[in-house]
Amino acid sequence: MVPTDGGDEINFRGAVIRRKAARADTDGAWAIGTGRQDAGFDNPRHTHDEFEAFFVVRGRYAFYTDEGEVNAGPGTFVLIPPGATHGFRTEEDESELICVWPSDVERNFFGAG
């Protein structure tokens, strides 16, 4: 069990990202954590070679897709397939996501893969 304030924490351009489980903890299957941002945070369009997923816990987000923007509020689940262009902008202060990361995100942010 990892408590609310547990896990590895980094600050990424104003977002607080907290890893709760690393790929090493799941035999390489996945890594999961939370991301908390205020309004105006922008995660620009990009791609990964693996799936990525988000679950909106609180606040509002605008997710970028190849087709445009999609608004997402609490309870919304977003699954990003490999190779899909995606990103998001935070629309409200104190917004929070649960994130399942691909290996390149874990490696780039936390030095693991």
Protein backbone atom coordinates (compact mmCIF):
# COMPACT_ATOMS: atom_id res chain seq x y z
CA MET A 1 0.00 0.00 0.00
CA VAL A 2 1.21 3.51 -0.82
CA PRO A 3 -0.31 6.32 1.29
CA THR A 4 -1.73 9.53 -0.18
CA ASP A 5 1.54 11.41 0.22
CA GLY A 6 3.72 8.37 -0.61
CA GLY A 7 5.62 7.56 -3.76
CA ASP A 8 8.29 9.34 -5.80
CA GLU A 9 7.36 12.98 -6.48
CA ILE A 10 8.65 15.35 -9.15
CA ASN A 11 7.64 18.81 -10.28
CA PHE A 12 7.24 19.09 -14.03
CA ARG A 13 6.62 22.64 -15.31
CA GLY A 14 4.33 23.32 -12.35
CA ALA A 15 2.58 19.93 -12.28
CA VAL A 16 3.12 17.70 -9.26
CA ILE A 17 3.60 14.13 -10.48
CA ARG A 18 3.69 11.33 -7.92
CA ARG A 19 4.57 7.78 -8.98
CA LYS A 20 2.76 5.19 -6.86
CA ALA A 21 4.07 2.02 -8.56
CA ALA A 22 7.02 1.66 -10.92
CA ARG A 23 7.29 -0.86 -13.75
CA ALA A 24 9.84 -2.67 -11.60
CA ASP A 25 7.06 -3.17 -9.01
CA THR A 26 4.76 -4.82 -11.62
CA ASP A 27 7.26 -7.05 -13.45
CA GLY A 28 7.41 -4.47 -16.24
CA ALA A 29 3.66 -4.44 -16.90
CA TRP A 30 2.89 -0.77 -16.11
CA ALA A 31 3.62 2.23 -13.91
CA ILE A 32 0.90 4.33 -12.27
CA GLY A 33 0.69 7.59 -10.41
CA THR A 34 -1.11 10.88 -10.06
CA GLY A 35 -0.70 14.26 -11.68
CA ARG A 36 -1.98 17.48 -10.11
CA GLN A 37 -2.04 20.72 -12.09
CA ASP A 38 -3.55 24.18 -11.96
CA ALA A 39 -5.45 25.87 -14.78
CA GLY A 40 -3.28 26.71 -17.77
CA PHE A 41 -0.89 23.76 -17.48
CA ASP A 42 -0.25 22.47 -20.99
CA ASN A 43 1.05 19.02 -21.88
CA PRO A 44 1.67 19.57 -25.62
CA ARG A 45 0.79 17.13 -28.37
CA HIS A 46 3.12 14.12 -28.54
CA THR A 47 3.13 10.36 -29.16
CA HIS A 48 4.32 7.15 -27.45
CA ASP A 49 4.97 3.65 -28.76
CA GLU A 50 2.86 2.14 -25.96
CA PHE A 51 -0.59 2.67 -24.44
CA GLU A 52 -1.11 5.52 -21.98
CA ALA A 53 -4.23 6.08 -19.87
CA PHE A 54 -5.72 8.83 -17.71
CA PHE A 55 -8.60 8.91 -15.24
CA VAL A 56 -9.84 12.36 -14.19
CA VAL A 57 -10.22 12.48 -10.40
CA ARG A 58 -11.18 16.15 -10.09
CA GLY A 59 -11.19 19.32 -12.13
CA ARG A 60 -11.51 19.75 -15.88
CA TYR A 61 -9.21 19.01 -18.79
CA ALA A 62 -9.19 19.53 -22.55
CA PHE A 63 -7.53 16.51 -24.19
CA TYR A 64 -5.93 17.00 -27.61
CA THR A 65 -6.52 14.43 -30.32
CA ASP A 66 -5.90 14.34 -34.05
CA GLU A 67 -9.56 15.30 -34.47
CA GLY A 68 -9.49 18.30 -32.11
CA GLU A 69 -10.12 18.87 -28.39
CA VAL A 70 -12.32 16.79 -26.10
CA ASN A 71 -13.45 18.10 -22.69
CA ALA A 72 -13.08 15.73 -19.73
CA GLY A 73 -14.33 16.06 -16.15
CA PRO A 74 -14.35 13.87 -13.04
CA GLY A 75 -14.92 10.20 -13.79
CA THR A 76 -13.71 10.41 -17.39
CA PHE A 77 -11.34 7.66 -18.55
CA VAL A 78 -9.04 8.40 -21.50
CA LEU A 79 -7.17 5.56 -23.25
CA ILE A 80 -4.44 6.59 -25.68
CA PRO A 81 -3.40 3.89 -28.18
CA PRO A 82 0.22 3.53 -29.30
CA GLY A 83 1.21 6.10 -31.92
CA ALA A 84 -1.81 8.37 -31.32
CA THR A 85 -1.08 12.09 -31.09
CA HIS A 86 -2.35 13.39 -27.74
CA GLY A 87 -1.85 15.93 -24.97
CA PHE A 88 -3.97 17.98 -22.60
CA ARG A 89 -4.56 21.37 -21.07
CA THR A 90 -5.78 21.84 -17.50
CA GLU A 91 -8.91 24.00 -17.28
CA GLU A 92 -9.35 24.37 -13.47
CA ASP A 93 -7.01 24.85 -10.51
CA GLU A 94 -6.34 21.78 -8.34
CA SER A 95 -7.22 19.37 -11.15
CA GLU A 96 -5.96 15.82 -10.70
CA LEU A 97 -5.47 12.74 -12.89
CA ILE A 98 -4.53 9.13 -12.28
CA CYS A 99 -2.00 8.20 -14.97
CA VAL A 100 -0.83 4.84 -16.33
CA TRP A 101 2.48 5.60 -18.05
CA PRO A 102 4.33 4.08 -20.96
CA SER A 103 7.97 3.15 -20.34
CA ASP A 104 9.42 6.28 -21.99
CA VAL A 105 7.51 8.55 -19.56
CA GLU A 106 8.79 6.62 -16.56
CA ARG A 107 12.34 6.60 -17.93
CA ASN A 108 12.35 10.33 -18.78
CA PHE A 109 10.74 11.51 -15.54
CA PHE A 110 11.98 8.99 -12.99
CA GLY A 111 15.08 7.45 -14.59
CA ALA A 112 13.60 3.95 -14.78
CA GLY A 113 12.08 1.93 -17.54
